[in-house]
Amino acid sequence: MNGNEEHLIQSVTGPLSGQVPLQMRGPADMAEMLPYLLGFFPDDSVVAVGLQGPMLQQGGVIRLDIPTDPAEWPSVAVDTARLLVTLSGQRDRPPEQVLLYLCRDAAEPTAGACGSGDGDGGDGPADGPGVLAGLRPLAEQLAQAFRAAGVLVKESLLVSDGRWWSFLCGGESCCDPAGVPIRSVRLPSPIAAAAAFAGVAPRGSRKAIAAGLVPIGPPEDAPVREAIERAGPQLIHELSGPGGRTATLERTATLLAEVLADFGTGARELDRVRAARLLVGLQDKLARDRAAEYAEPDELIPAQRLWRYLARQCVPPFEHYAAPPLTLLAWTSWLAGDTATARVVLARVLDLDQGYTLAQLLYESLNGGLHPSELHDRVRQERRAREQLAGLRPADVVVPPDTSEPPATPSPPAPPAVPTPRQQHPAPPDGAAARAGSTGPVGPVGQPDRSGQPDRPRVPRQAGDPGRSGQPSSSRQSRRKARRSGRGAGGGGPAFDLPEEAGPLTVRAARRAHRPHRAHRARRAR
């Protein structure tokens, strides 16, 4: 799964109409419906909507970025057709016809369709015919790919600046060269009425959602970078001290509870030291899974605000540190019903790290039509069990900071911890243990049993001091390899070689929840 594609396999009645299907009366209705289908205004996108059955009811929806290089257009056309046919067939049945949209936009939309403008179309885009001519080769390649897949093209539209053009227009007299305005927001329409009745509204353009995730820039980024550089060695110092990983996780959890309490009372910012400590601490997947428990209705808004804030603190060369807070932002957005933001955020995570497994599974589950309730139930059970064991509410849990210096010589093995519910779970099957990098039984925190060894995770060495020398010189291939293996791009900061199979949001749990709705895990060849 790539970060530049979304697919929705949903019921033929769709999200707007409740139980009564809406009838599309022409290209204007088709263009107006598009942002409601996706949840956002697509920009620079290819969108394919499958039509099924004798009534040509809506089936699956596929969205991909339009590559800036036209040499990539043929592969995008083939991928679009393949994805729509394969995914629709797995979930229901292959489409008989398809609606194709090419959305080319350079500004924020303000009307009920992809494209920008005043909603009436105005005078149209500056060069509508030029855009139409420029994208016509892609439209023809898409039509050819769907014909090869046995799917007829019902309509193929360019949508931009509040207007639409048809690529199937037979001649100059067929369509206005300036385009046809999409229905005005000042006039009632069945699409707008159905959306208002269902409480559905697009969240803005995809670009606008993505822009809210960009790390802060100069001059504010310099002190943030320095704070993260200091937090990394400090965390390694904690891991080497008494209590090792267990104590470090508890300190991260305590700090997280304090910060979320502040954000719950309206805080929108965090001091640099605590922000850096949270960012580094959340690189441990167990800490990330603990953070995912803040998912009750009254916790979602402050949690989303915190995750977004932390993600924007991931300044170069620490961009990859944003994967955990962004994944948590996507998780809480999905629970809040904001699937558009969740999709865009997960796409950003996969752009940062294609191997970030939790983001892959959430993306697959979301795009496959799975409801988050089953995963949420597992998270609740984990949280409830731990609270019952402690006999405390989350706000009452206070773990004093460990101010002791690490011993000069290796410390003896830590005494056995009080069993937690996670310890009492049966060991995963051999396949799961192998996926977690384990060759033996699973220990107290989901790791291989290391009886007789100090309680500390495997922490790779730090490759130099990234803050003093700037971005280390390394090839793009090595940086990608480092991100896939969980190491920081360019060696910036600590990286934790810890198992994925731990906590309530495990890969196995997501797959079990997703099994009845499994969609094809698409990966585009690059």
Protein backbone atom coordinates (compact mmCIF):
# COMPACT_ATOMS: atom_id res chain seq x y z
CA MET A 1 0.00 0.00 0.00
CA ASN A 2 1.38 3.38 -0.96
CA GLY A 3 0.69 6.66 0.71
CA ASN A 4 -0.58 8.26 -2.48
CA GLU A 5 -3.65 6.11 -2.96
CA GLU A 6 -6.95 5.48 -1.24
CA HIS A 7 -9.63 2.97 -1.96
CA LEU A 8 -13.12 2.77 -0.50
CA ILE A 9 -15.24 -0.32 -0.88
CA GLN A 10 -18.61 0.67 0.48
CA SER A 11 -22.30 -0.07 0.12
CA VAL A 12 -24.13 0.88 -3.03
CA THR A 13 -26.31 3.31 -1.10
CA GLY A 14 -23.22 5.26 -0.13
CA PRO A 15 -22.58 7.51 2.86
CA LEU A 16 -24.99 10.29 1.96
CA SER A 17 -28.31 8.75 1.28
CA GLY A 18 -29.12 6.69 4.36
CA GLN A 19 -31.21 3.90 2.89
CA VAL A 20 -32.34 5.55 -0.35
CA PRO A 21 -29.89 5.66 -3.29
CA LEU A 22 -29.42 9.03 -4.97
CA GLN A 23 -29.87 9.29 -8.70
CA MET A 24 -27.10 10.99 -10.67
CA ARG A 25 -28.69 13.06 -13.40
CA GLY A 26 -25.57 14.03 -15.29
CA PRO A 27 -21.91 15.03 -15.10
CA ALA A 28 -22.62 17.99 -12.79
CA ASP A 29 -24.14 15.69 -10.17
CA MET A 30 -21.25 13.28 -10.61
CA ALA A 31 -18.71 16.05 -10.03
CA GLU A 32 -20.61 17.45 -7.05
CA MET A 33 -20.80 14.03 -5.39
CA LEU A 34 -17.06 13.38 -5.55
CA PRO A 35 -15.79 15.16 -2.39
CA TYR A 36 -18.59 13.61 -0.36
CA LEU A 37 -17.55 10.14 -1.50
CA LEU A 38 -13.94 10.73 -0.48
CA GLY A 39 -14.49 12.97 2.54
CA PHE A 40 -12.19 15.67 1.14
CA PHE A 41 -11.70 17.72 -2.01
CA PRO A 42 -9.31 15.75 -4.21
CA ASP A 43 -6.64 17.78 -5.90
CA ASP A 44 -4.18 16.58 -8.51
CA SER A 45 -5.92 13.22 -8.33
CA VAL A 46 -7.22 10.37 -10.44
CA VAL A 47 -10.52 9.07 -9.05
CA ALA A 48 -12.36 6.03 -10.38
CA VAL A 49 -15.88 5.18 -9.18
CA GLY A 50 -17.16 1.73 -10.03
CA LEU A 51 -20.76 1.24 -11.15
CA GLN A 52 -22.45 -2.11 -10.55
CA GLY A 53 -25.61 -3.92 -11.54
CA PRO A 54 -28.35 -3.03 -14.01
CA MET A 55 -29.07 0.24 -12.17
CA LEU A 56 -25.37 1.22 -12.27
CA GLN A 57 -25.17 1.72 -8.53
CA GLN A 58 -22.02 3.05 -6.92
CA GLY A 59 -19.46 0.46 -5.88
CA GLY A 60 -15.81 0.91 -5.03
CA VAL A 61 -13.88 4.18 -5.22
CA ILE A 62 -10.16 4.49 -5.98
CA ARG A 63 -8.05 7.65 -5.66
CA LEU A 64 -4.43 8.06 -6.72
CA ASP A 65 -2.15 11.04 -7.15
CA ILE A 66 -1.54 12.29 -10.67
CA PRO A 67 2.24 11.89 -11.11
CA THR A 68 4.08 15.02 -12.10
CA ASP A 69 6.04 13.00 -14.66
CA PRO A 70 3.83 12.02 -17.64
CA ALA A 71 6.09 9.01 -18.19
CA GLU A 72 4.45 7.46 -15.12
CA TRP A 73 0.90 7.94 -16.38
CA PRO A 74 0.57 4.59 -18.19
CA SER A 75 1.43 2.66 -15.01
CA VAL A 76 -1.01 4.79 -12.98
CA ALA A 77 -3.76 4.03 -15.49
CA VAL A 78 -3.11 0.29 -15.30
CA ASP A 79 -2.90 0.39 -11.49
CA THR A 80 -6.18 2.30 -11.21
CA ALA A 81 -8.05 -0.23 -13.32
CA ARG A 82 -6.44 -3.20 -11.59
CA LEU A 83 -7.13 -1.89 -8.10
CA LEU A 84 -10.77 -1.05 -8.75
CA VAL A 85 -11.55 -4.37 -10.42
CA THR A 86 -9.64 -6.47 -7.88
CA LEU A 87 -10.89 -4.76 -4.75
CA SER A 88 -14.48 -4.52 -5.93
CA GLY A 89 -14.45 -8.17 -6.89
CA GLN A 90 -13.11 -9.23 -3.50
CA ARG A 91 -15.71 -7.25 -1.60
CA ASP A 92 -18.78 -7.52 -3.80
CA ARG A 93 -18.49 -7.87 -7.56
CA PRO A 94 -16.42 -6.29 -10.33
CA PRO A 95 -17.72 -3.04 -11.80
CA GLU A 96 -19.56 -3.07 -15.10
CA GLN A 97 -18.88 0.59 -15.84
CA VAL A 98 -16.71 3.29 -14.33
CA LEU A 99 -16.79 7.05 -13.77
CA LEU A 100 -13.37 8.64 -14.21
CA TYR A 101 -12.34 11.98 -12.75
CA LEU A 102 -9.13 13.90 -13.26
CA CYS A 103 -8.96 16.65 -10.65
CA ARG A 104 -6.37 19.31 -11.31
CA ASP A 105 -6.30 22.11 -8.82
CA ALA A 106 -3.90 24.75 -7.57
CA ALA A 107 -5.99 26.50 -4.93
CA GLU A 108 -8.21 25.71 -1.97
CA PRO A 109 -11.75 24.72 -3.03
CA THR A 110 -14.70 26.61 -1.63
CA ALA A 111 -17.55 24.91 -3.44
CA GLY A 112 -19.20 21.54 -3.32
CA ALA A 113 -16.89 19.77 -5.71
CA CYS A 114 -13.25 19.16 -6.29
CA GLY A 115 -11.72 22.27 -7.71
CA SER A 116 -11.65 25.78 -6.38
CA GLY A 117 -13.60 28.85 -7.13
CA ASP A 118 -16.74 30.61 -6.02
CA GLY A 119 -19.09 27.68 -6.51
CA ASP A 120 -20.66 29.14 -9.65
CA GLY A 121 -17.63 28.43 -11.74
CA GLY A 122 -16.94 32.15 -12.22
CA ASP A 123 -15.04 32.74 -15.40
CA GLY A 124 -13.49 29.30 -15.19
CA PRO A 125 -9.83 28.48 -14.72
CA ALA A 126 -7.18 30.58 -16.33
CA ASP A 127 -6.46 27.91 -18.94
CA GLY A 128 -9.19 25.28 -18.85
CA PRO A 129 -8.68 24.12 -22.44
CA GLY A 130 -4.94 23.93 -21.79
CA VAL A 131 -5.46 21.76 -18.71
CA LEU A 132 -7.89 19.60 -20.68
CA ALA A 133 -5.38 19.12 -23.48
CA GLY A 134 -2.54 18.46 -21.06
CA LEU A 135 -4.40 15.69 -19.22
CA ARG A 136 -6.09 14.14 -22.25
CA PRO A 137 -3.30 11.55 -22.72
CA LEU A 138 -3.84 10.33 -19.16
CA ALA A 139 -7.61 10.18 -19.70
CA GLU A 140 -7.09 8.09 -22.83
CA GLN A 141 -4.67 5.78 -21.03
CA LEU A 142 -7.20 5.28 -18.24
CA ALA A 143 -9.97 4.49 -20.72
CA GLN A 144 -7.72 2.00 -22.51
CA ALA A 145 -6.76 0.31 -19.22
CA PHE A 146 -10.39 -0.11 -18.17
CA ARG A 147 -11.41 -1.39 -21.60
CA ALA A 148 -8.63 -3.98 -21.33
CA ALA A 149 -10.08 -4.97 -17.95
CA GLY A 150 -13.55 -5.38 -19.48
CA VAL A 151 -15.05 -2.26 -17.90
CA LEU A 152 -16.86 0.39 -19.94
CA VAL A 153 -16.19 4.07 -19.25
CA LYS A 154 -19.50 5.75 -18.44
CA GLU A 155 -17.99 9.24 -18.22
CA SER A 156 -14.54 10.79 -18.02
CA LEU A 157 -14.36 14.27 -16.55
CA LEU A 158 -11.81 16.95 -15.83
CA VAL A 159 -12.86 18.86 -12.71
CA SER A 160 -11.10 22.10 -11.82
CA ASP A 161 -11.95 25.51 -10.38
CA GLY A 162 -15.61 24.71 -9.86
CA ARG A 163 -16.15 23.56 -13.46
CA TRP A 164 -16.11 20.33 -15.38
CA TRP A 165 -15.17 19.26 -18.90
CA SER A 166 -15.82 15.89 -20.51
CA PHE A 167 -12.99 14.02 -22.20
CA LEU A 168 -15.68 12.13 -24.12
CA CYS A 169 -16.99 15.28 -25.77
CA GLY A 170 -17.40 14.64 -29.50
CA GLY A 171 -16.45 18.05 -30.86
CA GLU A 172 -16.11 21.77 -30.27
CA SER A 173 -19.88 22.27 -30.31
CA CYS A 174 -20.40 19.56 -27.69
CA CYS A 175 -19.09 21.39 -24.61
CA ASP A 176 -18.33 24.97 -23.68
CA PRO A 177 -14.54 25.48 -23.97
CA ALA A 178 -14.70 27.42 -20.70
CA GLY A 179 -16.20 24.42 -18.94
CA VAL A 180 -19.58 23.90 -17.32
CA PRO A 181 -20.15 25.25 -13.80
CA ILE A 182 -20.80 22.69 -11.12
CA ARG A 183 -24.02 23.37 -9.28
CA SER A 184 -23.84 26.55 -7.21
CA VAL A 185 -23.75 26.31 -3.43
CA ARG A 186 -26.41 29.05 -3.43
CA LEU A 187 -28.90 26.78 -5.20
CA PRO A 188 -30.42 23.71 -3.60
CA SER A 189 -29.32 20.35 -4.95
CA PRO A 190 -30.14 16.75 -4.04
CA ILE A 191 -26.48 16.07 -3.32
CA ALA A 192 -26.08 18.97 -0.91
CA ALA A 193 -29.42 18.22 0.75
CA ALA A 194 -28.56 14.55 1.25
CA ALA A 195 -25.14 15.47 2.63
CA ALA A 196 -26.62 17.97 5.07
CA PHE A 197 -29.24 15.45 6.20
CA ALA A 198 -26.57 12.81 6.78
CA GLY A 199 -24.26 15.27 8.55
CA VAL A 200 -21.53 14.71 5.97
CA ALA A 201 -19.20 17.52 4.93
CA PRO A 202 -15.82 17.42 3.18
CA ARG A 203 -12.89 18.34 5.41
CA GLY A 204 -11.21 20.64 2.90
CA SER A 205 -8.74 19.70 0.23
CA ARG A 206 -6.29 16.87 0.59
CA LYS A 207 -3.46 19.37 0.24
CA ALA A 208 -4.87 21.49 3.06
CA ILE A 209 -5.10 18.49 5.39
CA ALA A 210 -1.54 17.47 4.52
CA ALA A 211 -0.27 21.03 5.01
CA GLY A 212 -1.35 20.87 8.65
CA LEU A 213 1.14 18.04 9.22
CA VAL A 214 4.27 19.80 7.95
CA PRO A 215 7.02 20.26 10.57
CA ILE A 216 7.61 23.75 11.87
CA GLY A 217 10.25 25.79 10.08
CA PRO A 218 12.94 28.30 11.01
CA PRO A 219 13.65 29.94 13.32
CA GLU A 220 11.46 27.91 15.70
CA ASP A 221 12.92 24.60 14.52
CA ALA A 222 16.46 25.14 15.88
CA PRO A 223 15.67 24.87 19.62
CA VAL A 224 13.32 21.96 18.93
CA ARG A 225 16.09 20.13 17.10
CA GLU A 226 18.49 20.70 19.99
CA ALA A 227 15.93 19.38 22.48
CA ILE A 228 15.44 16.17 20.49
CA GLU A 229 19.20 15.72 20.19
CA ARG A 230 19.50 15.88 23.97
CA ALA A 231 16.47 13.67 24.61
CA GLY A 232 17.88 10.72 22.67
CA PRO A 233 21.01 10.10 24.78
CA GLN A 234 19.00 10.82 27.93
CA LEU A 235 16.55 8.06 27.06
CA ILE A 236 19.38 5.62 26.37
CA HIS A 237 20.74 6.61 29.79
CA GLU A 238 17.34 5.72 31.32
CA LEU A 239 17.23 2.39 29.53
CA SER A 240 20.65 1.53 30.93
CA GLY A 241 19.63 2.40 34.48
CA PRO A 242 17.69 0.54 37.15
CA GLY A 243 14.42 -0.87 35.87
CA GLY A 244 15.54 -0.65 32.26
CA ARG A 245 12.79 -0.60 29.70
CA THR A 246 9.96 -1.21 32.17
CA ALA A 247 10.79 1.87 34.23
CA THR A 248 11.38 3.95 31.11
CA LEU A 249 7.99 2.97 29.72
CA GLU A 250 6.29 3.94 32.96
CA ARG A 251 7.99 7.33 32.97
CA THR A 252 6.84 7.88 29.39
CA ALA A 253 3.30 6.84 30.34
CA THR A 254 3.28 9.15 33.36
CA LEU A 255 4.51 12.10 31.32
CA LEU A 256 1.93 11.34 28.65
CA ALA A 257 -0.88 11.31 31.22
CA GLU A 258 0.25 14.66 32.60
CA VAL A 259 0.49 16.26 29.17
CA LEU A 260 -2.88 14.94 28.01
CA ALA A 261 -4.45 16.26 31.21
CA ASP A 262 -3.07 19.69 30.30
CA PHE A 263 -4.34 19.41 26.74
CA GLY A 264 -7.71 18.31 28.10
CA THR A 265 -8.00 21.66 29.86
CA GLY A 266 -7.23 23.60 26.69
CA ALA A 267 -3.45 23.56 26.31
CA ARG A 268 -2.25 23.68 22.72
CA GLU A 269 1.52 23.75 23.16
CA LEU A 270 4.13 21.90 25.16
CA ASP A 271 7.55 22.93 26.39
CA ARG A 272 10.39 21.67 24.22
CA VAL A 273 11.93 19.36 26.82
CA ARG A 274 8.75 17.39 27.48
CA ALA A 275 7.83 17.36 23.80
CA ALA A 276 11.21 15.92 22.87
CA ARG A 277 11.02 13.32 25.66
CA LEU A 278 7.59 12.19 24.45
CA LEU A 279 8.70 12.01 20.83
CA VAL A 280 11.69 9.87 21.67
CA GLY A 281 9.73 7.74 24.12
CA LEU A 282 6.94 7.04 21.62
CA GLN A 283 9.43 5.37 19.29
CA ASP A 284 8.97 2.35 21.58
CA LYS A 285 5.93 0.53 20.23
CA LEU A 286 4.73 -0.39 23.72
CA ALA A 287 4.66 3.30 24.65
CA ARG A 288 2.84 4.04 21.41
CA ASP A 289 0.24 1.37 22.16
CA ARG A 290 -0.25 2.78 25.65
CA ALA A 291 -0.83 6.18 24.06
CA ALA A 292 -3.45 4.65 21.75
CA GLU A 293 -5.59 3.91 24.81
CA TYR A 294 -6.51 7.59 25.08
CA ALA A 295 -9.40 7.03 22.72
CA GLU A 296 -12.59 7.61 24.70
CA PRO A 297 -15.00 10.27 23.36
CA ASP A 298 -13.91 12.92 25.87
CA GLU A 299 -10.24 12.18 25.15
CA LEU A 300 -10.25 12.29 21.36
CA ILE A 301 -10.05 16.04 20.81
CA PRO A 302 -7.17 16.74 23.24
CA ALA A 303 -5.37 13.61 22.03
CA GLN A 304 -5.67 14.67 18.39
CA ARG A 305 -4.38 18.11 19.29
CA LEU A 306 -1.37 16.63 21.07
CA TRP A 307 -0.50 14.14 18.32
CA ARG A 308 -0.69 16.84 15.67
CA TYR A 309 1.48 19.15 17.77
CA LEU A 310 4.12 16.46 18.37
CA ALA A 311 4.20 15.50 14.70
CA ARG A 312 4.95 19.08 13.73
CA GLN A 313 7.89 19.12 16.15
CA CYS A 314 9.66 16.43 14.09
CA VAL A 315 12.04 18.80 12.35
CA PRO A 316 14.87 17.60 10.08
CA PRO A 317 16.70 15.28 10.48
CA PHE A 318 14.08 13.77 12.80
CA GLU A 319 11.14 13.65 10.38
CA HIS A 320 10.85 9.89 10.86
CA TYR A 321 10.04 10.45 14.55
CA ALA A 322 6.62 11.65 13.37
CA ALA A 323 5.47 8.11 12.48
CA PRO A 324 4.11 7.24 15.97
CA PRO A 325 2.26 10.52 16.69
CA LEU A 326 0.88 10.63 13.15
CA THR A 327 -0.35 7.05 13.42
CA LEU A 328 -1.99 7.95 16.72
CA LEU A 329 -3.55 11.01 15.07
CA ALA A 330 -4.95 8.79 12.33
CA TRP A 331 -6.27 6.31 14.89
CA THR A 332 -8.09 8.98 16.92
CA SER A 333 -9.35 10.70 13.76
CA TRP A 334 -10.80 7.41 12.55
CA LEU A 335 -12.51 6.87 15.91
CA ALA A 336 -13.91 10.42 15.71
CA GLY A 337 -15.41 9.66 12.29
CA ASP A 338 -12.95 11.85 10.38
CA THR A 339 -11.89 9.21 7.89
CA ALA A 340 -10.62 11.81 5.43
CA THR A 341 -7.99 13.09 7.85
CA ALA A 342 -7.15 9.54 8.92
CA ARG A 343 -6.44 8.52 5.31
CA VAL A 344 -4.28 11.54 4.56
CA VAL A 345 -2.33 11.16 7.80
CA LEU A 346 -1.70 7.45 7.26
CA ALA A 347 -0.53 8.26 3.74
CA ARG A 348 1.98 10.65 5.28
CA VAL A 349 3.21 7.94 7.68
CA LEU A 350 3.73 5.49 4.83
CA ASP A 351 5.60 8.15 2.87
CA LEU A 352 7.93 8.48 5.86
CA ASP A 353 8.26 4.75 6.44
CA GLN A 354 6.66 2.22 4.10
CA GLY A 355 7.44 -0.50 6.62
CA TYR A 356 5.56 1.02 9.58
CA THR A 357 3.34 -1.97 10.18
CA LEU A 358 0.62 -0.46 12.34
CA ALA A 359 0.04 2.31 9.79
CA GLN A 360 -0.15 -0.29 7.02
CA LEU A 361 -2.75 -2.31 8.90
CA LEU A 362 -4.84 0.71 9.89
CA TYR A 363 -4.71 1.99 6.31
CA GLU A 364 -5.80 -1.38 4.96
CA SER A 365 -8.58 -1.69 7.54
CA LEU A 366 -9.83 1.84 6.95
CA ASN A 367 -9.79 1.58 3.18
CA GLY A 368 -11.39 -1.87 3.34
CA GLY A 369 -14.46 -0.55 5.13
CA LEU A 370 -13.73 -1.97 8.59
CA HIS A 371 -15.32 -0.15 11.53
CA PRO A 372 -12.80 0.73 14.27
CA SER A 373 -15.03 -0.54 17.08
CA GLU A 374 -13.48 -4.00 17.29
CA LEU A 375 -9.96 -2.65 17.57
CA HIS A 376 -11.20 -0.05 20.04
CA ASP A 377 -12.75 -2.80 22.18
CA ARG A 378 -9.38 -4.51 22.40
CA VAL A 379 -7.72 -1.27 23.45
CA ARG A 380 -10.37 -0.72 26.13
CA GLN A 381 -9.89 -4.22 27.49
CA GLU A 382 -6.15 -3.72 27.77
CA ARG A 383 -6.56 -0.41 29.55
CA ARG A 384 -9.23 -1.73 31.92
CA ALA A 385 -7.19 -4.79 32.85
CA ARG A 386 -4.13 -2.73 33.68
CA GLU A 387 -6.13 -0.23 35.73
CA GLN A 388 -7.81 -3.03 37.68
CA LEU A 389 -4.45 -4.60 38.39
CA ALA A 390 -3.08 -1.32 39.67
CA GLY A 391 -6.27 -0.46 41.55
CA LEU A 392 -5.94 3.08 40.32
CA ARG A 393 -7.47 5.35 37.75
CA PRO A 394 -5.09 6.56 35.02
CA ALA A 395 -4.87 10.02 36.59
CA ASP A 396 -3.82 8.48 39.92
CA VAL A 397 -0.89 6.57 38.50
CA VAL A 398 2.26 8.40 39.52
CA VAL A 399 5.68 6.88 38.98
CA PRO A 400 8.47 8.98 40.52
CA PRO A 401 11.25 9.79 38.10
CA ASP A 402 14.38 7.69 38.33
CA THR A 403 17.14 10.12 39.21
CA SER A 404 19.76 7.51 40.05
CA GLU A 405 22.89 7.21 37.98
CA PRO A 406 23.41 4.01 36.01
CA PRO A 407 25.89 1.62 37.58
CA ALA A 408 29.43 1.61 36.27
CA THR A 409 29.24 -2.16 35.84
CA PRO A 410 26.40 -4.19 34.35
CA SER A 411 23.61 -4.53 36.86
CA PRO A 412 22.24 -7.93 37.87
CA PRO A 413 18.99 -9.11 36.35
CA ALA A 414 15.98 -7.17 37.54
CA PRO A 415 13.61 -9.08 39.86
CA PRO A 416 10.49 -10.46 38.23
CA ALA A 417 7.83 -7.80 37.79
CA VAL A 418 4.28 -8.22 39.04
CA PRO A 419 2.46 -10.13 36.30
CA THR A 420 0.34 -7.98 34.06
CA PRO A 421 -2.55 -9.09 31.87
CA ARG A 422 -0.22 -9.01 28.88
CA GLN A 423 2.07 -11.51 30.62
CA GLN A 424 -0.81 -13.88 31.12
CA HIS A 425 -1.68 -14.04 27.44
CA PRO A 426 -0.65 -17.27 25.72
CA ALA A 427 2.45 -17.12 23.57
CA PRO A 428 1.77 -16.42 19.90
CA PRO A 429 2.13 -19.19 17.37
CA ASP A 430 5.53 -19.83 15.86
CA GLY A 431 4.76 -17.67 12.84
CA ALA A 432 3.92 -14.66 14.97
CA ALA A 433 7.00 -15.17 17.10
CA ALA A 434 9.13 -15.31 13.99
CA ARG A 435 7.55 -12.11 12.68
CA ALA A 436 8.41 -10.43 15.96
CA GLY A 437 12.04 -11.45 15.60
CA SER A 438 11.63 -14.02 18.38
CA THR A 439 13.07 -17.49 18.46
CA GLY A 440 11.60 -18.53 21.81
CA PRO A 441 8.72 -17.95 24.18
CA VAL A 442 7.32 -14.49 24.61
CA GLY A 443 8.39 -12.72 27.78
CA PRO A 444 6.70 -10.13 30.00
CA VAL A 445 6.56 -7.31 27.46
CA GLY A 446 6.16 -9.27 24.27
CA GLN A 447 9.89 -9.88 23.80
CA PRO A 448 11.77 -13.17 23.69
CA ASP A 449 12.34 -14.58 27.16
CA ARG A 450 15.70 -13.31 28.35
CA SER A 451 15.95 -14.98 31.73
CA GLY A 452 19.22 -14.21 33.37
CA GLN A 453 19.84 -11.11 31.26
CA PRO A 454 19.47 -7.45 32.24
CA ASP A 455 16.05 -5.94 31.53
CA ARG A 456 17.00 -3.70 28.64
CA PRO A 457 16.00 -3.54 24.98
CA ARG A 458 18.34 -3.83 22.08
CA VAL A 459 19.38 -0.29 21.26
CA PRO A 460 21.48 0.24 18.14
CA ARG A 461 24.38 2.57 18.29
CA GLN A 462 23.93 6.22 17.42
CA ALA A 463 25.62 7.15 14.19
CA GLY A 464 27.33 10.35 15.13
CA ASP A 465 25.82 13.57 16.34
CA PRO A 466 23.29 14.69 13.72
CA GLY A 467 22.64 18.03 15.33
CA ARG A 468 26.22 19.26 15.14
CA SER A 469 26.96 18.20 11.63
CA GLY A 470 23.55 18.64 10.02
CA GLN A 471 22.08 15.94 7.85
CA PRO A 472 24.63 13.13 7.56
CA SER A 473 25.70 12.35 4.05
CA SER A 474 24.19 9.03 2.97
CA SER A 475 22.50 7.67 -0.08
CA ARG A 476 18.75 7.75 -0.50
CA GLN A 477 18.74 3.98 -0.59
CA SER A 478 20.49 3.72 2.78
CA ARG A 479 18.08 6.20 4.35
CA ARG A 480 15.10 4.20 3.09
CA LYS A 481 16.67 1.02 4.40
CA ALA A 482 17.24 2.68 7.75
CA ARG A 483 13.62 3.80 7.97
CA ARG A 484 12.35 0.35 7.06
CA SER A 485 14.44 -1.23 9.80
CA GLY A 486 13.20 1.28 12.37
CA ARG A 487 16.40 3.32 12.50
CA GLY A 488 16.45 7.04 12.15
CA ALA A 489 17.16 8.53 8.78
CA GLY A 490 20.77 9.49 8.83
CA GLY A 491 21.19 7.99 12.29
CA GLY A 492 19.54 10.95 14.02
CA GLY A 493 18.66 9.97 17.59
CA PRO A 494 18.08 6.60 19.20
CA ALA A 495 16.30 3.84 17.36
CA PHE A 496 14.63 0.96 19.13
CA ASP A 497 14.92 -2.53 17.72
CA LEU A 498 11.82 -3.71 19.58
CA PRO A 499 9.15 -6.26 18.65
CA GLU A 500 6.03 -5.16 16.81
CA GLU A 501 3.83 -7.87 18.35
CA ALA A 502 3.00 -6.13 21.61
CA GLY A 503 0.07 -4.20 22.98
CA PRO A 504 -3.61 -4.09 22.05
CA LEU A 505 -3.04 -2.65 18.58
CA THR A 506 -0.92 -5.55 17.45
CA VAL A 507 -0.58 -6.64 13.87
CA ARG A 508 -2.32 -9.90 14.74
CA ALA A 509 -5.20 -8.08 16.43
CA ALA A 510 -5.69 -5.79 13.45
CA ARG A 511 -5.60 -8.70 11.06
CA ARG A 512 -8.11 -10.69 13.11
CA ALA A 513 -10.43 -7.70 13.23
CA HIS A 514 -9.99 -7.10 9.51
CA ARG A 515 -10.33 -10.71 8.37
CA PRO A 516 -14.06 -10.56 7.46
CA HIS A 517 -13.44 -7.44 5.41
CA ARG A 518 -9.98 -8.18 4.06
CA ALA A 519 -9.08 -6.10 1.06
CA HIS A 520 -6.27 -6.69 -1.35
CA ARG A 521 -3.03 -5.24 0.02
CA ALA A 522 -2.03 -3.26 -3.00
CA ARG A 523 1.56 -2.22 -3.55
CA ARG A 524 2.45 -0.20 -6.57
CA ALA A 525 5.70 -1.04 -8.27
CA ARG A 526 8.07 1.86 -8.24
